[in-house]
Amino acid sequence: MRHEYTLFKRYKDAKNKKGIVWFFYYYDDDGTRKPKSTGKSLKHEAVAVVEKFLAQNDSNDRTLYEYTKTFFVWDECLYIKRQLAKGKRFSKTNATLRRNHLDNYILPQFGKRKLSSLNRVEIENWLVALKSKNTGEALSNQTKNHILYAFRTILREAEREGIIPYNCLSIVESLAVQPKARDVFSQEELQKLFPSDLEALTKIWREEEYAYYFFILATTGMRRGEARALKWKHVIEDKKRNGLVIEEAIKDDDTTGSTKTGKSRVVVLSQRAEEILEHWKASTPFNDPEDLIFYGRNGSRPIMGKTLQNRFQKALEKAEIKTDGRNLVIHSFRHTYNTLLKNVLPLDILQETTGHSSESMTERYNHPSLKDSYSRILEHEDAFDGLF
């Protein structure tokens, strides 16, 4: 309970202004300002009553605002530091996302509440009815689940520290999620997006770099963050066919980390993709081993995610790809790759190229397991050449 109060006096006989009684305003567990009588007519006695009242109602309990001052704040949050010390993965992007959910949704509703006053039914009802702060429309169940995860984590920490006796959200079930299916491109649409004529290709994507970046996505099935992190040192030079080592990814906050699975893998380039990269390496001013293949301001700065999204949308328009009623996103290239090759490649080979394999792989191509993987995938080079 906040130790803030305001004394004021009232008269027992208000009409004749006789018989003073001291009252005070205080803040309850919800942060609401409330009046209360001291029952005393002398001010010093009233002060003693107020201070005793506040002391009796004070405890180790804190408001959610007070407890979460640094929660999910990168470099300050003790919870995150403990997770990393345990060898668990917790990215800066994840921290930013959780903190945004805390600041935008949880704290505005429950920030002034004492941790011990929070209850499952109230929070669950609030969560189900939650609407977007920006649009006023109902939030997706997936977003609500992210908010629930953040809230549950906070209360679990409070329970761990003995501030509350139990986590009221520990048994709250997640909301059902029905993700919007991502559509795929047809082979004809891929041909429209990536014509063989360089002038036509550049007209669609505006610049060669963007055209080559998206072509690599479409012909390797890699994730966009993985392609953003590619360096020239990742090119496998093989006398039969070149390939790529995928071992890093650029996150949404533009930091570099591991792949989504935390594992490295290799992909074989189609003949056209190999030719494109050779042409691009000869054209770009940044072609040292440590330089990014696809770069922003310089060879060490990745292309901005927003820039790629903008180029993708513009290219769909330029190529006259029908988007009405379809959920075409950058990740659709990966889904298309998987769809076109799933009936052509053996399942284990497709899993190895897309990073869905459960086999353990080491970090670099010079390890025998990645060399063996590349040799197995290379046996199916015709399938990659015939993708579209």
Protein backbone atom coordinates (compact mmCIF):
# COMPACT_ATOMS: atom_id res chain seq x y z
CA MET A 1 0.00 0.00 0.00
CA ARG A 2 1.30 3.44 -0.90
CA HIS A 3 2.33 5.53 2.13
CA GLU A 4 0.69 8.60 0.69
CA TYR A 5 -2.22 10.21 2.46
CA THR A 6 -3.97 13.55 2.84
CA LEU A 7 -5.55 14.71 6.10
CA PHE A 8 -8.73 16.75 6.08
CA LYS A 9 -11.32 17.62 8.69
CA ARG A 10 -15.06 17.37 8.83
CA TYR A 11 -17.60 18.63 11.38
CA LYS A 12 -19.96 16.41 13.28
CA ASP A 13 -22.36 19.34 13.16
CA ALA A 14 -21.70 20.68 9.67
CA LYS A 15 -24.40 23.34 9.93
CA ASN A 16 -22.90 24.98 13.01
CA LYS A 17 -19.32 23.86 12.30
CA LYS A 18 -18.91 22.11 15.63
CA GLY A 19 -17.17 18.88 16.58
CA ILE A 20 -14.11 18.37 14.37
CA VAL A 21 -13.20 14.85 13.21
CA TRP A 22 -10.09 14.21 11.14
CA PHE A 23 -10.36 12.08 7.99
CA PHE A 24 -7.71 11.04 5.49
CA TYR A 25 -7.44 9.95 1.91
CA TYR A 26 -5.37 6.82 1.19
CA TYR A 27 -4.77 4.49 -1.76
CA ASP A 28 -6.11 0.93 -1.67
CA ASP A 29 -4.60 -2.15 -3.32
CA ASP A 30 -6.14 -1.17 -6.66
CA GLY A 31 -4.53 2.26 -6.51
CA THR A 32 -7.90 3.90 -5.91
CA ARG A 33 -7.97 6.98 -3.67
CA LYS A 34 -10.40 6.48 -0.78
CA PRO A 35 -11.49 8.47 2.33
CA LYS A 36 -11.42 7.06 5.88
CA SER A 37 -12.16 8.52 9.31
CA THR A 38 -9.53 8.52 12.05
CA GLY A 39 -12.19 9.03 14.73
CA LYS A 40 -9.94 11.65 16.31
CA SER A 41 -10.48 15.36 16.86
CA LEU A 42 -6.83 16.22 17.57
CA LYS A 43 -4.51 16.34 14.57
CA HIS A 44 -1.52 14.62 16.18
CA GLU A 45 -3.73 11.76 17.29
CA ALA A 46 -5.19 11.51 13.80
CA VAL A 47 -1.69 11.32 12.29
CA ALA A 48 -0.82 8.45 14.64
CA VAL A 49 -3.96 6.58 13.56
CA VAL A 50 -3.15 7.04 9.87
CA GLU A 51 0.44 5.87 10.20
CA LYS A 52 -0.60 2.82 12.19
CA PHE A 53 -3.25 1.99 9.59
CA LEU A 54 -0.76 2.22 6.74
CA ALA A 55 1.87 0.19 8.60
CA GLN A 56 -0.61 -2.58 9.35
CA ASN A 57 -1.63 -2.79 5.70
CA ASP A 58 1.89 -2.62 4.34
CA SER A 59 3.66 -5.82 3.31
CA ASN A 60 6.23 -7.18 0.91
CA ASP A 61 3.53 -7.05 -1.74
CA ARG A 62 4.08 -4.61 -4.58
CA THR A 63 2.07 -3.21 -7.43
CA LEU A 64 2.57 -4.70 -10.86
CA TYR A 65 4.08 -1.39 -11.99
CA GLU A 66 6.66 -1.52 -9.21
CA TYR A 67 7.54 -5.16 -9.74
CA THR A 68 7.92 -4.97 -13.52
CA LYS A 69 9.99 -1.79 -13.77
CA THR A 70 12.83 -3.65 -15.53
CA PHE A 71 11.03 -6.85 -16.50
CA PHE A 72 11.80 -7.85 -20.12
CA VAL A 73 14.14 -4.85 -20.41
CA TRP A 74 17.24 -6.11 -22.21
CA ASP A 75 20.45 -5.91 -20.12
CA GLU A 76 18.42 -5.17 -16.97
CA CYS A 77 15.92 -7.99 -16.54
CA LEU A 78 17.15 -10.55 -14.00
CA TYR A 79 14.82 -13.19 -15.41
CA ILE A 80 16.40 -12.90 -18.87
CA LYS A 81 19.90 -12.93 -17.41
CA ARG A 82 19.10 -16.13 -15.55
CA GLN A 83 17.71 -17.79 -18.68
CA LEU A 84 20.84 -16.93 -20.65
CA ALA A 85 23.09 -18.09 -17.80
CA LYS A 86 21.29 -21.45 -17.93
CA GLY A 87 22.10 -21.72 -21.62
CA LYS A 88 18.53 -21.11 -22.70
CA ARG A 89 17.64 -19.02 -25.74
CA PHE A 90 16.06 -15.61 -25.18
CA SER A 91 16.64 -13.05 -27.91
CA LYS A 92 16.54 -9.28 -27.75
CA THR A 93 13.65 -9.41 -30.23
CA ASN A 94 11.71 -11.63 -27.86
CA ALA A 95 12.43 -9.30 -24.95
CA THR A 96 11.19 -6.29 -26.92
CA LEU A 97 8.01 -8.12 -27.92
CA ARG A 98 7.24 -9.17 -24.33
CA ARG A 99 7.95 -5.68 -22.99
CA ASN A 100 5.65 -4.14 -25.59
CA HIS A 101 2.85 -6.45 -24.52
CA LEU A 102 3.50 -5.47 -20.92
CA ASP A 103 3.53 -1.72 -21.61
CA ASN A 104 0.67 -1.62 -24.11
CA TYR A 105 -1.81 -4.04 -22.60
CA ILE A 106 -1.01 -5.50 -19.18
CA LEU A 107 0.15 -2.43 -17.25
CA PRO A 108 -2.59 -0.03 -18.43
CA GLN A 109 -5.16 -2.48 -17.04
CA PHE A 110 -3.42 -3.96 -13.98
CA GLY A 111 -0.37 -1.80 -13.29
CA LYS A 112 -1.72 -0.18 -10.12
CA ARG A 113 -2.89 -3.48 -8.69
CA LYS A 114 -1.09 -5.30 -5.91
CA LEU A 115 0.34 -8.58 -7.14
CA SER A 116 -1.58 -10.46 -4.47
CA SER A 117 -4.88 -8.93 -5.59
CA LEU A 118 -4.70 -10.33 -9.12
CA ASN A 119 -7.03 -13.23 -9.84
CA ARG A 120 -7.37 -15.72 -12.65
CA VAL A 121 -11.03 -15.14 -13.55
CA GLU A 122 -10.63 -11.38 -13.91
CA ILE A 123 -7.50 -11.68 -16.05
CA GLU A 124 -8.95 -14.43 -18.23
CA ASN A 125 -12.14 -12.45 -18.91
CA TRP A 126 -10.07 -9.38 -19.75
CA LEU A 127 -7.84 -11.38 -22.07
CA VAL A 128 -10.71 -12.92 -24.04
CA ALA A 129 -12.27 -9.50 -24.69
CA LEU A 130 -8.97 -7.72 -25.40
CA LYS A 131 -8.85 -5.39 -28.40
CA SER A 132 -6.00 -3.81 -30.32
CA LYS A 133 -4.66 -0.61 -28.83
CA ASN A 134 -4.23 0.87 -32.31
CA THR A 135 -7.29 -0.28 -34.28
CA GLY A 136 -9.83 -1.13 -31.61
CA GLU A 137 -10.44 -4.47 -33.30
CA ALA A 138 -10.28 -7.79 -31.46
CA LEU A 139 -6.74 -9.11 -31.12
CA SER A 140 -5.92 -12.45 -32.67
CA ASN A 141 -5.82 -15.40 -30.30
CA GLN A 142 -2.14 -15.83 -31.11
CA THR A 143 -1.39 -12.30 -29.88
CA LYS A 144 -3.53 -12.89 -26.79
CA ASN A 145 -1.50 -16.02 -26.08
CA HIS A 146 1.71 -14.00 -26.32
CA ILE A 147 0.29 -11.54 -23.78
CA LEU A 148 -0.78 -14.41 -21.53
CA TYR A 149 2.73 -15.88 -21.75
CA ALA A 150 4.30 -12.57 -20.67
CA PHE A 151 1.84 -12.15 -17.78
CA ARG A 152 2.29 -15.76 -16.65
CA THR A 153 6.07 -15.44 -16.70
CA ILE A 154 5.94 -12.33 -14.52
CA LEU A 155 3.69 -13.94 -11.92
CA ARG A 156 5.78 -17.11 -11.93
CA GLU A 157 8.81 -15.01 -11.03
CA ALA A 158 6.86 -13.25 -8.27
CA GLU A 159 5.89 -16.66 -6.88
CA ARG A 160 9.50 -17.84 -7.10
CA GLU A 161 10.62 -14.80 -5.09
CA GLY A 162 7.97 -15.41 -2.43
CA ILE A 163 6.12 -12.16 -3.14
CA ILE A 164 2.88 -14.01 -3.89
CA PRO A 165 1.90 -17.46 -2.58
CA TYR A 166 1.01 -18.84 -6.02
CA ASN A 167 0.79 -17.93 -9.69
CA CYS A 168 -2.90 -17.51 -10.49
CA LEU A 169 -2.22 -17.93 -14.22
CA SER A 170 -0.34 -21.22 -13.95
CA ILE A 171 -3.37 -23.29 -14.98
CA VAL A 172 -4.99 -20.86 -17.41
CA GLU A 173 -5.27 -22.51 -20.81
CA SER A 174 -4.06 -20.82 -23.96
CA LEU A 175 -6.63 -19.68 -26.51
CA ALA A 176 -7.20 -21.78 -29.61
CA VAL A 177 -5.16 -20.56 -32.54
CA GLN A 178 -6.22 -20.98 -36.14
CA PRO A 179 -3.35 -19.41 -38.07
CA LYS A 180 -4.10 -17.87 -41.43
CA ALA A 181 -2.69 -20.22 -44.02
CA ARG A 182 0.08 -18.80 -46.17
CA ASP A 183 -0.57 -19.28 -49.84
CA VAL A 184 1.99 -20.47 -52.35
CA PHE A 185 3.03 -19.24 -55.77
CA SER A 186 2.40 -21.21 -58.93
CA GLN A 187 5.34 -22.01 -61.19
CA GLU A 188 3.91 -19.58 -63.74
CA GLU A 189 3.87 -16.82 -61.10
CA LEU A 190 7.47 -17.55 -60.17
CA GLN A 191 8.43 -17.21 -63.82
CA LYS A 192 6.68 -13.82 -63.90
CA LEU A 193 8.53 -12.69 -60.80
CA PHE A 194 11.91 -13.93 -62.03
CA PRO A 195 12.11 -13.57 -65.83
CA SER A 196 15.36 -14.75 -67.41
CA ASP A 197 15.96 -11.38 -69.06
CA LEU A 198 18.01 -9.17 -66.71
CA GLU A 199 16.32 -5.94 -67.81
CA ALA A 200 12.86 -7.40 -67.22
CA LEU A 201 14.00 -8.84 -63.88
CA THR A 202 15.37 -5.50 -62.72
CA LYS A 203 12.19 -3.73 -63.80
CA ILE A 204 10.16 -5.91 -61.46
CA TRP A 205 12.50 -5.73 -58.45
CA ARG A 206 13.96 -2.25 -59.14
CA GLU A 207 17.52 -3.31 -58.31
CA GLU A 208 19.56 -6.42 -59.01
CA GLU A 209 20.30 -6.99 -55.35
CA TYR A 210 16.63 -7.34 -54.43
CA ALA A 211 15.96 -9.59 -57.41
CA TYR A 212 18.85 -11.88 -56.48
CA TYR A 213 17.93 -11.94 -52.81
CA PHE A 214 14.37 -13.07 -53.50
CA PHE A 215 15.52 -15.51 -56.18
CA ILE A 216 17.76 -17.19 -53.61
CA LEU A 217 14.78 -17.43 -51.25
CA ALA A 218 12.63 -18.97 -53.96
CA THR A 219 15.23 -21.53 -55.05
CA THR A 220 16.68 -22.61 -51.70
CA GLY A 221 13.69 -22.51 -49.33
CA MET A 222 15.68 -20.63 -46.71
CA ARG A 223 14.09 -18.19 -44.29
CA ARG A 224 14.44 -14.50 -45.07
CA GLY A 225 16.54 -13.83 -41.95
CA GLU A 226 18.91 -16.60 -43.01
CA ALA A 227 19.33 -15.04 -46.46
CA ARG A 228 19.95 -11.63 -44.90
CA ALA A 229 22.81 -13.14 -42.89
CA LEU A 230 24.56 -14.83 -45.82
CA LYS A 231 28.21 -13.90 -46.32
CA TRP A 232 30.50 -14.77 -49.19
CA LYS A 233 32.34 -17.18 -46.89
CA HIS A 234 29.13 -19.24 -46.81
CA VAL A 235 29.35 -20.10 -50.51
CA ILE A 236 30.37 -23.74 -51.04
CA GLU A 237 32.54 -23.96 -54.15
CA ASP A 238 32.12 -27.42 -55.61
CA LYS A 239 33.28 -28.56 -59.03
CA LYS A 240 29.88 -30.15 -59.66
CA ARG A 241 27.59 -27.45 -58.24
CA ASN A 242 27.98 -24.64 -55.73
CA GLY A 243 25.92 -24.39 -52.58
CA LEU A 244 25.45 -22.39 -49.39
CA VAL A 245 26.04 -23.00 -45.69
CA ILE A 246 23.20 -21.63 -43.58
CA GLU A 247 24.39 -21.07 -40.03
CA GLU A 248 23.14 -17.62 -39.00
CA ALA A 249 20.04 -15.43 -39.25
CA ILE A 250 19.30 -11.72 -38.94
CA LYS A 251 16.52 -11.19 -36.40
CA ASP A 252 13.69 -8.66 -36.61
CA ASP A 253 15.69 -6.21 -34.49
CA ASP A 254 18.58 -6.49 -37.00
CA THR A 255 20.83 -8.44 -34.62
CA THR A 256 22.57 -11.59 -35.81
CA GLY A 257 21.87 -14.91 -34.14
CA SER A 258 21.55 -18.59 -34.85
CA THR A 259 19.02 -20.14 -37.21
CA LYS A 260 15.51 -20.81 -35.95
CA THR A 261 16.42 -24.38 -35.05
CA GLY A 262 19.85 -23.43 -33.72
CA LYS A 263 21.44 -25.79 -36.26
CA SER A 264 23.46 -25.31 -39.42
CA ARG A 265 22.55 -26.86 -42.76
CA VAL A 266 23.55 -26.77 -46.43
CA VAL A 267 21.62 -26.15 -49.65
CA VAL A 268 22.52 -26.79 -53.27
CA LEU A 269 22.12 -23.90 -55.70
CA SER A 270 20.24 -24.29 -58.95
CA GLN A 271 22.34 -23.61 -62.04
CA ARG A 272 20.73 -20.20 -62.50
CA ALA A 273 21.20 -19.31 -58.81
CA GLU A 274 24.87 -20.24 -59.08
CA GLU A 275 25.26 -18.00 -62.14
CA ILE A 276 23.41 -15.16 -60.43
CA LEU A 277 25.68 -15.24 -57.37
CA GLU A 278 28.80 -15.37 -59.54
CA HIS A 279 27.55 -12.34 -61.48
CA TRP A 280 26.61 -10.52 -58.28
CA LYS A 281 29.99 -11.18 -56.66
CA ALA A 282 31.70 -9.68 -59.70
CA SER A 283 29.40 -6.64 -59.59
CA THR A 284 29.23 -5.79 -55.91
CA PRO A 285 31.91 -3.66 -54.19
CA PHE A 286 31.60 -5.88 -51.12
CA ASN A 287 32.89 -9.35 -51.99
CA ASP A 288 35.32 -10.20 -49.21
CA PRO A 289 34.62 -13.45 -47.29
CA GLU A 290 33.21 -11.57 -44.27
CA ASP A 291 31.04 -9.24 -46.37
CA LEU A 292 27.30 -9.80 -46.53
CA ILE A 293 26.09 -11.06 -49.89
CA PHE A 294 22.99 -8.88 -49.61
CA TYR A 295 23.76 -5.68 -47.76
CA GLY A 296 22.35 -2.35 -46.67
CA ARG A 297 24.56 0.72 -46.34
CA ASN A 298 27.74 -1.32 -46.54
CA GLY A 299 29.04 -4.86 -46.54
CA SER A 300 28.54 -5.29 -42.82
CA ARG A 301 25.00 -3.86 -42.60
CA PRO A 302 22.11 -6.15 -43.58
CA ILE A 303 19.22 -5.07 -45.78
CA MET A 304 16.43 -3.59 -43.67
CA GLY A 305 13.45 -5.86 -43.19
CA LYS A 306 11.02 -3.05 -44.03
CA THR A 307 12.85 -2.44 -47.29
CA LEU A 308 12.46 -6.08 -48.28
CA GLN A 309 8.78 -6.06 -47.41
CA ASN A 310 8.26 -2.96 -49.52
CA ARG A 311 10.17 -4.42 -52.49
CA PHE A 312 8.19 -7.65 -52.24
CA GLN A 313 4.83 -5.89 -52.38
CA LYS A 314 5.93 -3.68 -55.28
CA ALA A 315 7.20 -6.71 -57.20
CA LEU A 316 3.86 -8.49 -56.84
CA GLU A 317 2.20 -5.46 -58.40
CA LYS A 318 4.77 -5.14 -61.19
CA ALA A 319 4.50 -8.84 -62.08
CA GLU A 320 0.69 -8.62 -61.93
CA ILE A 321 0.39 -11.40 -59.37
CA LYS A 322 -3.21 -11.74 -58.19
CA THR A 323 -3.35 -11.26 -54.43
CA ASP A 324 -7.10 -10.90 -53.78
CA GLY A 325 -8.17 -13.46 -51.20
CA ARG A 326 -4.64 -14.82 -50.93
CA ASN A 327 -2.15 -14.54 -48.10
CA LEU A 328 1.06 -14.09 -50.06
CA VAL A 329 3.98 -13.11 -47.84
CA ILE A 330 7.74 -13.35 -48.17
CA HIS A 331 7.62 -16.66 -46.32
CA SER A 332 5.41 -17.95 -49.17
CA PHE A 333 8.61 -18.57 -51.15
CA ARG A 334 9.65 -21.13 -48.53
CA HIS A 335 6.22 -22.79 -48.58
CA THR A 336 6.26 -22.84 -52.38
CA TYR A 337 9.71 -24.45 -52.41
CA ASN A 338 8.51 -27.15 -50.05
CA THR A 339 5.29 -27.70 -52.03
CA LEU A 340 7.01 -28.01 -55.41
CA LEU A 341 9.72 -30.37 -54.19
CA LYS A 342 7.88 -32.58 -51.71
CA ASN A 343 6.81 -34.98 -54.46
CA VAL A 344 10.19 -34.86 -56.18
CA LEU A 345 12.76 -35.15 -53.40
CA PRO A 346 13.03 -37.88 -50.77
CA LEU A 347 11.62 -36.60 -47.48
CA ASP A 348 14.93 -36.72 -45.64
CA ILE A 349 16.65 -34.65 -48.36
CA LEU A 350 13.87 -32.05 -48.34
CA GLN A 351 14.06 -31.84 -44.55
CA GLU A 352 17.80 -31.31 -44.68
CA THR A 353 17.54 -28.44 -47.18
CA THR A 354 14.71 -26.66 -45.35
CA GLY A 355 16.12 -27.12 -41.85
CA HIS A 356 13.34 -29.35 -40.56
CA SER A 357 15.62 -32.32 -40.02
CA SER A 358 15.99 -33.60 -36.49
CA GLU A 359 19.50 -34.85 -37.15
CA SER A 360 22.28 -33.12 -35.26
CA MET A 361 24.52 -30.93 -37.45
CA THR A 362 27.65 -29.03 -36.50
CA GLU A 363 28.37 -25.41 -37.15
CA ARG A 364 30.56 -25.39 -40.24
CA TYR A 365 30.74 -27.08 -43.64
CA ASN A 366 34.22 -28.45 -42.99
CA HIS A 367 32.70 -30.92 -40.53
CA PRO A 368 32.11 -34.36 -42.10
CA SER A 369 28.37 -34.39 -41.31
CA LEU A 370 27.71 -31.26 -43.40
CA LYS A 371 29.95 -32.53 -46.18
CA ASP A 372 28.00 -35.78 -46.24
CA SER A 373 24.73 -33.86 -46.19
CA TYR A 374 25.83 -31.74 -49.15
CA SER A 375 26.87 -34.82 -51.11
CA ARG A 376 23.48 -36.43 -50.54
CA ILE A 377 21.59 -33.28 -51.58
CA LEU A 378 23.83 -32.77 -54.62
CA GLU A 379 22.62 -36.06 -56.07
CA HIS A 380 19.28 -34.33 -56.69
CA GLU A 381 20.57 -31.20 -58.46
CA ASP A 382 18.19 -31.76 -61.39
CA ALA A 383 15.22 -31.27 -59.07
CA PHE A 384 16.48 -27.83 -58.05
CA ASP A 385 17.17 -26.85 -61.67
CA GLY A 386 13.62 -27.80 -62.64
CA LEU A 387 11.94 -25.89 -59.82
CA PHE A 388 10.47 -23.29 -62.22
